[in-house]
Amino acid sequence: MTGFKLRDEITDIEVIAVGKAVRDRRKLAKAYGRGRWRKLKGLALVELPDSSVHKAELHWYEAHGIGRKDMKAKRLLK
């Protein structure tokens, strides 16, 4: 799910994959540059396009010097 706004800091951050375990690393390097790409997940409050606010599990890619890219809300939590 895309098209949301972060309403709070991301908490409970965990690394899912690093280095060759990141399946999209070639696509990421082509789009954003070479780096030590990691896939991470965490929890945060998000505002959806209909203005409702929910806690969601977020997944994104990150590399040093490049920052967070391709953030997605994987599921909404109650």
PDB file of N, CA and C in Angstrom:
ATOM      1  N   MET A   1       0.851  -1.164   0.000  1.00  0.00           N
ATOM      2  CA  MET A   1       0.000   0.000   0.000  1.00  0.00           C
ATOM      3  C   MET A   1       0.903   1.234   0.000  1.00  0.00           C
ATOM      4  N   THR A   2       0.685   2.088  -0.952  1.00  0.00           N
ATOM      5  CA  THR A   2       1.449   3.329  -1.037  1.00  0.00           C
ATOM      6  C   THR A   2       0.492   4.500  -0.930  1.00  0.00           C
ATOM      7  N   GLY A   3       1.002   5.702  -0.922  1.00  0.00           N
ATOM      8  CA  GLY A   3       0.148   6.880  -0.861  1.00  0.00           C
ATOM      9  C   GLY A   3      -0.279   7.215   0.554  1.00  0.00           C
ATOM     10  N   PHE A   4       0.585   7.030   1.508  1.00  0.00           N
ATOM     11  CA  PHE A   4       0.281   7.344   2.899  1.00  0.00           C
ATOM     12  C   PHE A   4       1.304   8.340   3.411  1.00  0.00           C
ATOM     13  N   LYS A   5       1.003   8.966   4.561  1.00  0.00           N
ATOM     14  CA  LYS A   5       1.928   9.897   5.210  1.00  0.00           C
ATOM     15  C   LYS A   5       2.283   9.347   6.584  1.00  0.00           C
ATOM     16  N   LEU A   6       3.553   9.441   6.937  1.00  0.00           N
ATOM     17  CA  LEU A   6       3.965   9.046   8.282  1.00  0.00           C
ATOM     18  C   LEU A   6       3.479  10.087   9.275  1.00  0.00           C
ATOM     19  N   ARG A   7       2.864   9.657  10.360  1.00  0.00           N
ATOM     20  CA  ARG A   7       2.369  10.566  11.392  1.00  0.00           C
ATOM     21  C   ARG A   7       3.214  10.513  12.652  1.00  0.00           C
ATOM     22  N   ASP A   8       4.164   9.576  12.725  1.00  0.00           N
ATOM     23  CA  ASP A   8       4.935   9.352  13.934  1.00  0.00           C
ATOM     24  C   ASP A   8       6.271   8.734  13.549  1.00  0.00           C
ATOM     25  N   GLU A   9       7.182   8.657  14.509  1.00  0.00           N
ATOM     26  CA  GLU A   9       8.471   7.995  14.297  1.00  0.00           C
ATOM     27  C   GLU A   9       8.253   6.495  14.088  1.00  0.00           C
ATOM     28  N   ILE A  10       9.134   5.876  13.330  1.00  0.00           N
ATOM     29  CA  ILE A  10       9.077   4.432  13.137  1.00  0.00           C
ATOM     30  C   ILE A  10       9.736   3.765  14.342  1.00  0.00           C
ATOM     31  N   THR A  11       9.048   2.779  14.922  1.00  0.00           N
ATOM     32  CA  THR A  11       9.557   2.064  16.093  1.00  0.00           C
ATOM     33  C   THR A  11       9.703   0.579  15.771  1.00  0.00           C
ATOM     34  N   ASP A  12      10.301  -0.153  16.692  1.00  0.00           N
ATOM     35  CA  ASP A  12      10.471  -1.609  16.570  1.00  0.00           C
ATOM     36  C   ASP A  12      11.100  -2.003  15.233  1.00  0.00           C
ATOM     37  N   ILE A  13      12.155  -1.292  14.840  1.00  0.00           N
ATOM     38  CA  ILE A  13      12.806  -1.529  13.554  1.00  0.00           C
ATOM     39  C   ILE A  13      13.618  -2.816  13.621  1.00  0.00           C
ATOM     40  N   GLU A  14      13.438  -3.659  12.598  1.00  0.00           N
ATOM     41  CA  GLU A  14      14.168  -4.922  12.478  1.00  0.00           C
ATOM     42  C   GLU A  14      14.724  -5.048  11.069  1.00  0.00           C
ATOM     43  N   VAL A  15      15.907  -5.623  10.957  1.00  0.00           N
ATOM     44  CA  VAL A  15      16.508  -5.897   9.651  1.00  0.00           C
ATOM     45  C   VAL A  15      15.953  -7.221   9.145  1.00  0.00           C
ATOM     46  N   ILE A  16      15.444  -7.221   7.925  1.00  0.00           N
ATOM     47  CA  ILE A  16      14.913  -8.441   7.312  1.00  0.00           C
ATOM     48  C   ILE A  16      15.987  -9.114   6.465  1.00  0.00           C
ATOM     49  N   ALA A  17      16.735  -8.317   5.679  1.00  0.00           N
ATOM     50  CA  ALA A  17      17.742  -8.879   4.781  1.00  0.00           C
ATOM     51  C   ALA A  17      18.877  -7.882   4.578  1.00  0.00           C
ATOM     52  N   VAL A  18      20.085  -8.407   4.326  1.00  0.00           N
ATOM     53  CA  VAL A  18      21.272  -7.580   4.088  1.00  0.00           C
ATOM     54  C   VAL A  18      22.069  -8.185   2.938  1.00  0.00           C
ATOM     55  N   GLY A  19      22.682  -7.340   2.117  1.00  0.00           N
ATOM     56  CA  GLY A  19      23.580  -7.799   1.060  1.00  0.00           C
ATOM     57  C   GLY A  19      22.877  -8.625   0.002  1.00  0.00           C
ATOM     58  N   LYS A  20      23.402  -9.814  -0.275  1.00  0.00           N
ATOM     59  CA  LYS A  20      22.853 -10.652  -1.349  1.00  0.00           C
ATOM     60  C   LYS A  20      21.470 -11.199  -1.019  1.00  0.00           C
ATOM     61  N   ALA A  21      21.071 -11.161   0.228  1.00  0.00           N
ATOM     62  CA  ALA A  21      19.735 -11.620   0.604  1.00  0.00           C
ATOM     63  C   ALA A  21      18.656 -10.628   0.154  1.00  0.00           C
ATOM     64  N   VAL A  22      19.040  -9.391  -0.189  1.00  0.00           N
ATOM     65  CA  VAL A  22      18.084  -8.394  -0.700  1.00  0.00           C
ATOM     66  C   VAL A  22      17.875  -8.711  -2.178  1.00  0.00           C
ATOM     67  N   ARG A  23      16.705  -9.219  -2.510  1.00  0.00           N
ATOM     68  CA  ARG A  23      16.452  -9.681  -3.875  1.00  0.00           C
ATOM     69  C   ARG A  23      16.444  -8.548  -4.902  1.00  0.00           C
ATOM     70  N   ASP A  24      16.044  -7.338  -4.512  1.00  0.00           N
ATOM     71  CA  ASP A  24      15.924  -6.219  -5.448  1.00  0.00           C
ATOM     72  C   ASP A  24      17.175  -5.352  -5.498  1.00  0.00           C
ATOM     73  N   ARG A  25      18.313  -5.842  -5.068  1.00  0.00           N
ATOM     74  CA  ARG A  25      19.505  -4.979  -4.952  1.00  0.00           C
ATOM     75  C   ARG A  25      19.967  -4.429  -6.296  1.00  0.00           C
ATOM     76  N   ARG A  26      19.827  -5.164  -7.374  1.00  0.00           N
ATOM     77  CA  ARG A  26      20.227  -4.644  -8.692  1.00  0.00           C
ATOM     78  C   ARG A  26      19.314  -3.509  -9.131  1.00  0.00           C
ATOM     79  N   LYS A  27      18.032  -3.668  -8.913  1.00  0.00           N
ATOM     80  CA  LYS A  27      17.072  -2.610  -9.242  1.00  0.00           C
ATOM     81  C   LYS A  27      17.340  -1.368  -8.395  1.00  0.00           C
ATOM     82  N   LEU A  28      17.626  -1.558  -7.122  1.00  0.00           N
ATOM     83  CA  LEU A  28      17.910  -0.435  -6.231  1.00  0.00           C
ATOM     84  C   LEU A  28      19.195   0.285  -6.637  1.00  0.00           C
ATOM     85  N   ALA A  29      20.234  -0.469  -6.978  1.00  0.00           N
ATOM     86  CA  ALA A  29      21.505   0.135  -7.390  1.00  0.00           C
ATOM     87  C   ALA A  29      21.335   0.926  -8.682  1.00  0.00           C
ATOM     88  N   LYS A  30      20.530   0.418  -9.588  1.00  0.00           N
ATOM     89  CA  LYS A  30      20.302   1.113 -10.858  1.00  0.00           C
ATOM     90  C   LYS A  30      19.507   2.401 -10.643  1.00  0.00           C
ATOM     91  N   ALA A  31      18.513   2.361  -9.757  1.00  0.00           N
ATOM     92  CA  ALA A  31      17.651   3.517  -9.531  1.00  0.00           C
ATOM     93  C   ALA A  31      18.280   4.566  -8.611  1.00  0.00           C
ATOM     94  N   TYR A  32      18.988   4.135  -7.555  1.00  0.00           N
ATOM     95  CA  TYR A  32      19.445   5.058  -6.518  1.00  0.00           C
ATOM     96  C   TYR A  32      20.958   5.089  -6.311  1.00  0.00           C
ATOM     97  N   GLY A  33      21.693   4.119  -6.860  1.00  0.00           N
ATOM     98  CA  GLY A  33      23.133   4.076  -6.695  1.00  0.00           C
ATOM     99  C   GLY A  33      23.569   2.875  -5.888  1.00  0.00           C
ATOM    100  N   ARG A  34      24.850   2.563  -5.994  1.00  0.00           N
ATOM    101  CA  ARG A  34      25.402   1.414  -5.274  1.00  0.00           C
ATOM    102  C   ARG A  34      25.485   1.732  -3.786  1.00  0.00           C
ATOM    103  N   GLY A  35      25.324   0.714  -2.997  1.00  0.00           N
ATOM    104  CA  GLY A  35      25.422   0.865  -1.554  1.00  0.00           C
ATOM    105  C   GLY A  35      25.210  -0.471  -0.874  1.00  0.00           C
ATOM    106  N   ARG A  36      25.332  -0.487   0.421  1.00  0.00           N
ATOM    107  CA  ARG A  36      25.072  -1.704   1.205  1.00  0.00           C
ATOM    108  C   ARG A  36      23.592  -1.701   1.544  1.00  0.00           C
ATOM    109  N   TRP A  37      22.787  -2.231   0.635  1.00  0.00           N
ATOM    110  CA  TRP A  37      21.340  -2.202   0.776  1.00  0.00           C
ATOM    111  C   TRP A  37      20.868  -3.180   1.837  1.00  0.00           C
ATOM    112  N   ARG A  38      19.907  -2.713   2.627  1.00  0.00           N
ATOM    113  CA  ARG A  38      19.265  -3.548   3.646  1.00  0.00           C
ATOM    114  C   ARG A  38      17.758  -3.390   3.500  1.00  0.00           C
ATOM    115  N   LYS A  39      17.033  -4.461   3.777  1.00  0.00           N
ATOM    116  CA  LYS A  39      15.576  -4.391   3.832  1.00  0.00           C
ATOM    117  C   LYS A  39      15.195  -4.389   5.306  1.00  0.00           C
ATOM    118  N   LEU A  40      14.343  -3.436   5.704  1.00  0.00           N
ATOM    119  CA  LEU A  40      13.954  -3.302   7.103  1.00  0.00           C
ATOM    120  C   LEU A  40      12.440  -3.264   7.241  1.00  0.00           C
ATOM    121  N   LYS A  41      11.986  -3.498   8.487  1.00  0.00           N
ATOM    122  CA  LYS A  41      10.568  -3.350   8.795  1.00  0.00           C
ATOM    123  C   LYS A  41      10.435  -2.673  10.146  1.00  0.00           C
ATOM    124  N   GLY A  42       9.298  -2.009  10.361  1.00  0.00           N
ATOM    125  CA  GLY A  42       9.030  -1.329  11.616  1.00  0.00           C
ATOM    126  C   GLY A  42       7.564  -0.948  11.712  1.00  0.00           C
ATOM    127  N   LEU A  43       7.200  -0.356  12.836  1.00  0.00           N
ATOM    128  CA  LEU A  43       5.819   0.045  13.088  1.00  0.00           C
ATOM    129  C   LEU A  43       5.723   1.565  13.211  1.00  0.00           C
ATOM    130  N   ALA A  44       4.621   2.135  12.702  1.00  0.00           N
ATOM    131  CA  ALA A  44       4.406   3.577  12.819  1.00  0.00           C
ATOM    132  C   ALA A  44       2.942   3.899  12.575  1.00  0.00           C
ATOM    133  N   LEU A  45       2.528   5.083  13.027  1.00  0.00           N
ATOM    134  CA  LEU A  45       1.204   5.597  12.692  1.00  0.00           C
ATOM    135  C   LEU A  45       1.267   6.210  11.303  1.00  0.00           C
ATOM    136  N   VAL A  46       0.294   5.865  10.462  1.00  0.00           N
ATOM    137  CA  VAL A  46       0.240   6.406   9.107  1.00  0.00           C
ATOM    138  C   VAL A  46      -1.135   7.007   8.856  1.00  0.00           C
ATOM    139  N   GLU A  47      -1.154   8.034   8.005  1.00  0.00           N
ATOM    140  CA  GLU A  47      -2.417   8.637   7.579  1.00  0.00           C
ATOM    141  C   GLU A  47      -2.675   8.210   6.141  1.00  0.00           C
ATOM    142  N   LEU A  48      -3.816   7.570   5.912  1.00  0.00           N
ATOM    143  CA  LEU A  48      -4.180   7.083   4.592  1.00  0.00           C
ATOM    144  C   LEU A  48      -4.832   8.201   3.778  1.00  0.00           C
ATOM    145  N   PRO A  49      -4.982   8.020   2.470  1.00  0.00           N
ATOM    146  CA  PRO A  49      -5.584   9.070   1.638  1.00  0.00           C
ATOM    147  C   PRO A  49      -6.995   9.485   2.060  1.00  0.00           C
ATOM    148  N   ASP A  50      -7.725   8.606   2.758  1.00  0.00           N
ATOM    149  CA  ASP A  50      -9.073   8.964   3.228  1.00  0.00           C
ATOM    150  C   ASP A  50      -9.036   9.684   4.581  1.00  0.00           C
ATOM    151  N   SER A  51      -7.852  10.111   5.026  1.00  0.00           N
ATOM    152  CA  SER A  51      -7.608  10.850   6.275  1.00  0.00           C
ATOM    153  C   SER A  51      -7.742  10.015   7.541  1.00  0.00           C
ATOM    154  N   SER A  52      -7.919   8.712   7.422  1.00  0.00           N
ATOM    155  CA  SER A  52      -7.951   7.869   8.615  1.00  0.00           C
ATOM    156  C   SER A  52      -6.514   7.577   9.059  1.00  0.00           C
ATOM    157  N   VAL A  53      -6.326   7.411  10.368  1.00  0.00           N
ATOM    158  CA  VAL A  53      -5.000   7.158  10.931  1.00  0.00           C
ATOM    159  C   VAL A  53      -4.980   5.755  11.526  1.00  0.00           C
ATOM    160  N   HIS A  54      -3.967   4.976  11.155  1.00  0.00           N
ATOM    161  CA  HIS A  54      -3.837   3.592  11.605  1.00  0.00           C
ATOM    162  C   HIS A  54      -2.393   3.304  11.977  1.00  0.00           C
ATOM    163  N   LYS A  55      -2.198   2.315  12.831  1.00  0.00           N
ATOM    164  CA  LYS A  55      -0.856   1.786  13.074  1.00  0.00           C
ATOM    165  C   LYS A  55      -0.608   0.755  11.976  1.00  0.00           C
ATOM    166  N   ALA A  56       0.577   0.799  11.373  1.00  0.00           N
ATOM    167  CA  ALA A  56       0.864  -0.088  10.254  1.00  0.00           C
ATOM    168  C   ALA A  56       2.262  -0.676  10.365  1.00  0.00           C
ATOM    169  N   GLU A  57       2.427  -1.848   9.764  1.00  0.00           N
ATOM    170  CA  GLU A  57       3.751  -2.439   9.604  1.00  0.00           C
ATOM    171  C   GLU A  57       4.310  -1.935   8.284  1.00  0.00           C
ATOM    172  N   LEU A  58       5.477  -1.300   8.336  1.00  0.00           N
ATOM    173  CA  LEU A  58       6.106  -0.725   7.157  1.00  0.00           C
ATOM    174  C   LEU A  58       7.328  -1.544   6.758  1.00  0.00           C
ATOM    175  N   HIS A  59       7.565  -1.661   5.451  1.00  0.00           N
ATOM    176  CA  HIS A  59       8.769  -2.282   4.917  1.00  0.00           C
ATOM    177  C   HIS A  59       9.430  -1.275   3.993  1.00  0.00           C
ATOM    178  N   TRP A  60      10.776  -1.211   4.011  1.00  0.00           N
ATOM    179  CA  TRP A  60      11.497  -0.294   3.131  1.00  0.00           C
ATOM    180  C   TRP A  60      12.923  -0.780   2.939  1.00  0.00           C
ATOM    181  N   TYR A  61      13.608  -0.160   1.979  1.00  0.00           N
ATOM    182  CA  TYR A  61      15.023  -0.426   1.724  1.00  0.00           C
ATOM    183  C   TYR A  61      15.817   0.782   2.190  1.00  0.00           C
ATOM    184  N   GLU A  62      17.066   0.544   2.603  1.00  0.00           N
ATOM    185  CA  GLU A  62      17.900   1.622   3.112  1.00  0.00           C
ATOM    186  C   GLU A  62      19.359   1.298   2.828  1.00  0.00           C
ATOM    187  N   ALA A  63      20.127   2.337   2.469  1.00  0.00           N
ATOM    188  CA  ALA A  63      21.574   2.198   2.293  1.00  0.00           C
ATOM    189  C   ALA A  63      22.229   3.439   2.869  1.00  0.00           C
ATOM    190  N   HIS A  64      23.416   3.264   3.432  1.00  0.00           N
ATOM    191  CA  HIS A  64      24.148   4.373   4.033  1.00  0.00           C
ATOM    192  C   HIS A  64      24.448   5.427   2.969  1.00  0.00           C
ATOM    193  N   GLY A  65      24.141   6.671   3.270  1.00  0.00           N
ATOM    194  CA  GLY A  65      24.381   7.763   2.346  1.00  0.00           C
ATOM    195  C   GLY A  65      23.285   7.956   1.322  1.00  0.00           C
ATOM    196  N   ILE A  66      22.354   7.021   1.229  1.00  0.00           N
ATOM    197  CA  ILE A  66      21.259   7.107   0.258  1.00  0.00           C
ATOM    198  C   ILE A  66      19.935   7.329   0.973  1.00  0.00           C
ATOM    199  N   GLY A  67      19.713   6.640   2.081  1.00  0.00           N
ATOM    200  CA  GLY A  67      18.511   6.829   2.880  1.00  0.00           C
ATOM    201  C   GLY A  67      17.431   5.798   2.607  1.00  0.00           C
ATOM    202  N   ARG A  68      16.237   6.075   3.127  1.00  0.00           N
ATOM    203  CA  ARG A  68      15.097   5.172   2.990  1.00  0.00           C
ATOM    204  C   ARG A  68      14.468   5.327   1.616  1.00  0.00           C
ATOM    205  N   LYS A  69      14.188   4.204   0.986  1.00  0.00           N
ATOM    206  CA  LYS A  69      13.584   4.200  -0.342  1.00  0.00           C
ATOM    207  C   LYS A  69      12.504   3.137  -0.413  1.00  0.00           C
ATOM    208  N   ASP A  70      11.530   3.353  -1.285  1.00  0.00           N
ATOM    209  CA  ASP A  70      10.469   2.387  -1.603  1.00  0.00           C
ATOM    210  C   ASP A  70       9.729   1.901  -0.357  1.00  0.00           C
ATOM    211  N   MET A  71       9.257   2.826   0.476  1.00  0.00           N
ATOM    212  CA  MET A  71       8.539   2.451   1.694  1.00  0.00           C
ATOM    213  C   MET A  71       7.114   2.012   1.346  1.00  0.00           C
ATOM    214  N   LYS A  72       6.689   0.897   1.963  1.00  0.00           N
ATOM    215  CA  LYS A  72       5.352   0.353   1.755  1.00  0.00           C
ATOM    216  C   LYS A  72       4.720   0.020   3.099  1.00  0.00           C
ATOM    217  N   ALA A  73       3.425   0.241   3.220  1.00  0.00           N
ATOM    218  CA  ALA A  73       2.667  -0.237   4.373  1.00  0.00           C
ATOM    219  C   ALA A  73       2.190  -1.635   4.022  1.00  0.00           C
ATOM    220  N   LYS A  74       2.758  -2.638   4.668  1.00  0.00           N
ATOM    221  CA  LYS A  74       2.435  -4.017   4.342  1.00  0.00           C
ATOM    222  C   LYS A  74       1.086  -4.453   4.915  1.00  0.00           C
ATOM    223  N   ARG A  75       0.794  -3.996   6.154  1.00  0.00           N
ATOM    224  CA  ARG A  75      -0.509  -4.346   6.728  1.00  0.00           C
ATOM    225  C   ARG A  75      -0.863  -3.344   7.817  1.00  0.00           C
ATOM    226  N   LEU A  76      -2.153  -3.145   7.976  1.00  0.00           N
ATOM    227  CA  LEU A  76      -2.654  -2.269   9.029  1.00  0.00           C
ATOM    228  C   LEU A  76      -2.896  -3.099  10.273  1.00  0.00           C
ATOM    229  N   LEU A  77      -2.536  -2.553  11.432  1.00  0.00           N
ATOM    230  CA  LEU A  77      -2.689  -3.255  12.698  1.00  0.00           C
ATOM    231  C   LEU A  77      -3.817  -2.635  13.497  1.00  0.00           C
ATOM    232  N   LYS A  78      -4.412  -3.421  14.375  1.00  0.00           N
ATOM    233  CA  LYS A  78      -5.496  -2.904  15.210  1.00  0.00           C
ATOM    234  C   LYS A  78      -4.955  -2.399  16.520  1.00  0.00           C
TER     235      LYS A  78
END
